[in-house]
């Protein structure tokens, strides 16, 4: 299964940086969302803080995705 998704290492440092931001933000988003689940939340869970963290993670994911689109569009046009 994994051989179907064999990707080449991106040549551009900007692409690698954007992919790192995208990946780390996705992991953070998953972690923050788990904190909000009734099963994993505790009485001391600050829902407002968790919500702010989820929003920030979503923003970082959108930012990284936009960077990737911008970079790949420029590279494809050259």
N, C-alpha and C. Protein backbone atom coordinates (compact mmCIF):
# COMPACT_ATOMS: atom_id res chain seq x y z
N UNK A 1 0.83 -1.20 0.00
CA UNK A 1 0.00 0.00 0.00
C UNK A 1 0.87 1.26 0.00
N UNK A 2 1.87 1.29 0.86
CA UNK A 2 2.70 2.48 0.94
C UNK A 2 3.50 2.72 -0.32
N UNK A 3 3.78 1.68 -1.10
CA UNK A 3 4.54 1.87 -2.33
C UNK A 3 3.73 2.66 -3.36
N UNK A 4 2.42 2.67 -3.22
CA UNK A 4 1.58 3.45 -4.13
C UNK A 4 1.79 4.95 -3.92
N UNK A 5 2.27 5.31 -2.75
CA UNK A 5 2.41 6.71 -2.42
C UNK A 5 3.87 7.09 -2.22
N UNK A 6 4.73 6.57 -3.06
CA UNK A 6 6.16 6.91 -2.97
C UNK A 6 6.36 8.28 -3.59
N UNK A 7 6.71 9.25 -2.75
CA UNK A 7 6.92 10.61 -3.22
C UNK A 7 8.41 10.91 -3.28
N UNK A 8 8.78 11.74 -4.23
CA UNK A 8 10.16 12.21 -4.26
C UNK A 8 10.32 13.30 -3.22
N UNK A 9 11.51 13.41 -2.68
CA UNK A 9 11.78 14.48 -1.73
C UNK A 9 11.72 15.81 -2.47
N UNK A 10 10.95 16.76 -1.96
CA UNK A 10 10.85 18.06 -2.64
C UNK A 10 12.21 18.72 -2.74
N UNK A 11 12.50 19.30 -3.89
CA UNK A 11 13.78 19.96 -4.12
C UNK A 11 13.82 21.33 -3.47
N UNK A 12 12.71 21.99 -3.44
CA UNK A 12 12.65 23.36 -2.93
C UNK A 12 12.57 23.39 -1.41
N UNK A 13 13.42 24.21 -0.80
CA UNK A 13 13.38 24.37 0.66
C UNK A 13 12.05 25.00 1.08
N UNK A 14 11.50 25.87 0.25
CA UNK A 14 10.20 26.48 0.57
C UNK A 14 9.10 25.42 0.62
N UNK A 15 9.15 24.46 -0.29
CA UNK A 15 8.16 23.37 -0.28
C UNK A 15 8.34 22.52 0.97
N UNK A 16 9.59 22.18 1.30
CA UNK A 16 9.83 21.38 2.51
C UNK A 16 9.34 22.11 3.75
N UNK A 17 9.60 23.41 3.83
CA UNK A 17 9.16 24.20 4.99
C UNK A 17 7.63 24.21 5.08
N UNK A 18 6.97 24.41 3.96
CA UNK A 18 5.50 24.42 3.94
C UNK A 18 4.94 23.06 4.32
N UNK A 19 5.56 21.99 3.84
CA UNK A 19 5.10 20.65 4.18
C UNK A 19 5.29 20.36 5.67
N UNK A 20 6.41 20.84 6.23
CA UNK A 20 6.63 20.65 7.67
C UNK A 20 5.57 21.39 8.48
N UNK A 21 5.26 22.63 8.07
CA UNK A 21 4.22 23.40 8.76
C UNK A 21 2.87 22.71 8.63
N UNK A 22 2.57 22.22 7.46
CA UNK A 22 1.29 21.54 7.23
C UNK A 22 1.19 20.28 8.10
N UNK A 23 2.23 19.50 8.13
CA UNK A 23 2.23 18.26 8.91
C UNK A 23 2.15 18.52 10.41
N UNK A 24 2.99 19.43 10.89
CA UNK A 24 2.99 19.71 12.34
C UNK A 24 1.67 20.33 12.78
N UNK A 25 1.10 21.18 11.95
CA UNK A 25 -0.18 21.81 12.28
C UNK A 25 -1.30 20.78 12.30
N UNK A 26 -1.25 19.82 11.39
CA UNK A 26 -2.27 18.77 11.37
C UNK A 26 -2.19 17.91 12.63
N UNK A 27 -0.97 17.57 13.05
CA UNK A 27 -0.83 16.80 14.29
C UNK A 27 -1.31 17.61 15.50
N UNK A 28 -0.98 18.90 15.52
CA UNK A 28 -1.43 19.76 16.62
C UNK A 28 -2.95 19.86 16.62
N UNK A 29 -3.54 20.00 15.45
CA UNK A 29 -5.00 20.09 15.35
C UNK A 29 -5.65 18.82 15.89
N UNK A 30 -5.11 17.69 15.51
CA UNK A 30 -5.64 16.42 16.01
C UNK A 30 -5.56 16.36 17.53
N UNK A 31 -4.43 16.76 18.08
CA UNK A 31 -4.24 16.74 19.53
C UNK A 31 -5.21 17.68 20.23
N UNK A 32 -5.35 18.89 19.71
CA UNK A 32 -6.26 19.86 20.33
C UNK A 32 -7.71 19.40 20.24
N UNK A 33 -8.09 18.80 19.12
CA UNK A 33 -9.47 18.32 18.98
C UNK A 33 -9.75 17.19 19.97
N UNK A 34 -8.76 16.35 20.21
CA UNK A 34 -8.94 15.27 21.19
C UNK A 34 -9.20 15.83 22.58
N UNK A 35 -8.55 16.94 22.90
CA UNK A 35 -8.75 17.57 24.21
C UNK A 35 -10.20 18.00 24.40
N UNK A 36 -10.86 18.32 23.30
CA UNK A 36 -12.24 18.81 23.37
C UNK A 36 -13.26 17.69 23.43
N UNK A 37 -12.83 16.45 23.14
CA UNK A 37 -13.76 15.33 23.19
C UNK A 37 -14.21 15.07 24.62
N UNK A 38 -15.48 14.78 24.83
CA UNK A 38 -15.97 14.51 26.19
C UNK A 38 -15.22 13.38 26.88
N UNK A 39 -14.80 12.36 26.13
CA UNK A 39 -14.11 11.21 26.70
C UNK A 39 -12.74 11.62 27.27
N UNK A 40 -12.04 12.51 26.57
CA UNK A 40 -10.67 12.86 26.96
C UNK A 40 -10.57 14.17 27.73
N UNK A 41 -11.63 14.96 27.73
CA UNK A 41 -11.55 16.23 28.44
C UNK A 41 -11.73 16.01 29.94
N UNK A 42 -11.18 16.91 30.68
CA UNK A 42 -11.31 16.85 32.13
C UNK A 42 -12.04 18.10 32.60
N UNK A 43 -12.49 18.11 33.85
CA UNK A 43 -13.18 19.31 34.34
C UNK A 43 -12.31 20.57 34.25
N UNK A 44 -10.99 20.39 34.26
CA UNK A 44 -10.11 21.56 34.21
C UNK A 44 -9.79 22.00 32.79
N UNK A 45 -10.36 21.31 31.78
CA UNK A 45 -10.11 21.69 30.39
C UNK A 45 -10.69 23.07 30.12
N UNK A 46 -9.82 23.96 29.65
CA UNK A 46 -10.25 25.32 29.29
C UNK A 46 -10.75 25.28 27.84
N UNK A 47 -12.06 25.20 27.69
CA UNK A 47 -12.67 25.05 26.37
C UNK A 47 -12.33 26.24 25.48
N UNK A 48 -12.29 27.43 26.04
CA UNK A 48 -11.98 28.61 25.23
C UNK A 48 -10.55 28.54 24.70
N UNK A 49 -9.61 28.10 25.54
CA UNK A 49 -8.23 27.97 25.11
C UNK A 49 -8.10 26.90 24.04
N UNK A 50 -8.76 25.76 24.24
CA UNK A 50 -8.72 24.69 23.24
C UNK A 50 -9.29 25.18 21.92
N UNK A 51 -10.39 25.92 21.98
CA UNK A 51 -11.00 26.47 20.77
C UNK A 51 -10.04 27.41 20.06
N UNK A 52 -9.35 28.27 20.80
CA UNK A 52 -8.37 29.17 20.19
C UNK A 52 -7.23 28.40 19.54
N UNK A 53 -6.79 27.33 20.19
CA UNK A 53 -5.72 26.51 19.64
C UNK A 53 -6.17 25.81 18.35
N UNK A 54 -7.40 25.32 18.33
CA UNK A 54 -7.94 24.68 17.13
C UNK A 54 -8.00 25.69 15.99
N UNK A 55 -8.46 26.88 16.27
CA UNK A 55 -8.53 27.94 15.25
C UNK A 55 -7.14 28.26 14.73
N UNK A 56 -6.15 28.37 15.62
CA UNK A 56 -4.78 28.67 15.21
C UNK A 56 -4.21 27.55 14.35
N UNK A 57 -4.47 26.31 14.72
CA UNK A 57 -3.99 25.16 13.93
C UNK A 57 -4.62 25.18 12.54
N UNK A 58 -5.92 25.44 12.49
CA UNK A 58 -6.61 25.49 11.20
C UNK A 58 -6.04 26.61 10.33
N UNK A 59 -5.74 27.74 10.94
CA UNK A 59 -5.13 28.86 10.21
C UNK A 59 -3.77 28.45 9.66
N UNK A 60 -2.95 27.80 10.49
CA UNK A 60 -1.62 27.37 10.05
C UNK A 60 -1.70 26.36 8.91
N UNK A 61 -2.69 25.48 8.95
CA UNK A 61 -2.89 24.51 7.87
C UNK A 61 -3.26 25.25 6.58
N UNK A 62 -4.16 26.21 6.68
CA UNK A 62 -4.56 26.98 5.50
C UNK A 62 -3.39 27.78 4.94
N UNK A 63 -2.59 28.35 5.83
CA UNK A 63 -1.41 29.12 5.42
C UNK A 63 -0.42 28.23 4.67
N UNK A 64 -0.14 27.05 5.22
CA UNK A 64 0.80 26.13 4.58
C UNK A 64 0.27 25.66 3.23
N UNK A 65 -1.03 25.38 3.17
CA UNK A 65 -1.63 24.95 1.90
C UNK A 65 -1.53 26.06 0.85
N UNK A 66 -1.77 27.29 1.26
CA UNK A 66 -1.67 28.42 0.33
C UNK A 66 -0.23 28.57 -0.16
N UNK A 67 0.75 28.43 0.76
CA UNK A 67 2.15 28.51 0.35
C UNK A 67 2.48 27.44 -0.68
N UNK A 68 2.00 26.22 -0.45
CA UNK A 68 2.27 25.13 -1.39
C UNK A 68 1.66 25.41 -2.76
N UNK A 69 0.44 25.91 -2.78
CA UNK A 69 -0.22 26.22 -4.04
C UNK A 69 0.56 27.32 -4.76
N UNK A 70 0.95 28.35 -4.04
CA UNK A 70 1.69 29.46 -4.64
C UNK A 70 3.03 28.98 -5.20
N UNK A 71 3.76 28.20 -4.42
CA UNK A 71 5.07 27.73 -4.85
C UNK A 71 4.95 26.81 -6.05
N UNK A 72 4.06 25.84 -5.98
CA UNK A 72 3.94 24.88 -7.08
C UNK A 72 3.41 25.55 -8.35
N UNK A 73 2.54 26.53 -8.20
CA UNK A 73 2.05 27.26 -9.37
C UNK A 73 3.20 28.01 -10.04
N UNK A 74 4.03 28.67 -9.24
CA UNK A 74 5.19 29.39 -9.80
C UNK A 74 6.15 28.42 -10.47
N UNK A 75 6.43 27.27 -9.82
CA UNK A 75 7.36 26.30 -10.39
C UNK A 75 6.83 25.71 -11.68
N UNK A 76 5.52 25.47 -11.75
CA UNK A 76 4.94 24.89 -12.96
C UNK A 76 4.89 25.88 -14.11
N UNK A 77 4.87 27.17 -13.80
CA UNK A 77 4.83 28.19 -14.83
C UNK A 77 6.21 28.53 -15.36
N UNK A 78 7.24 28.05 -14.72
CA UNK A 78 8.62 28.33 -15.17
C UNK A 78 9.12 27.26 -16.10
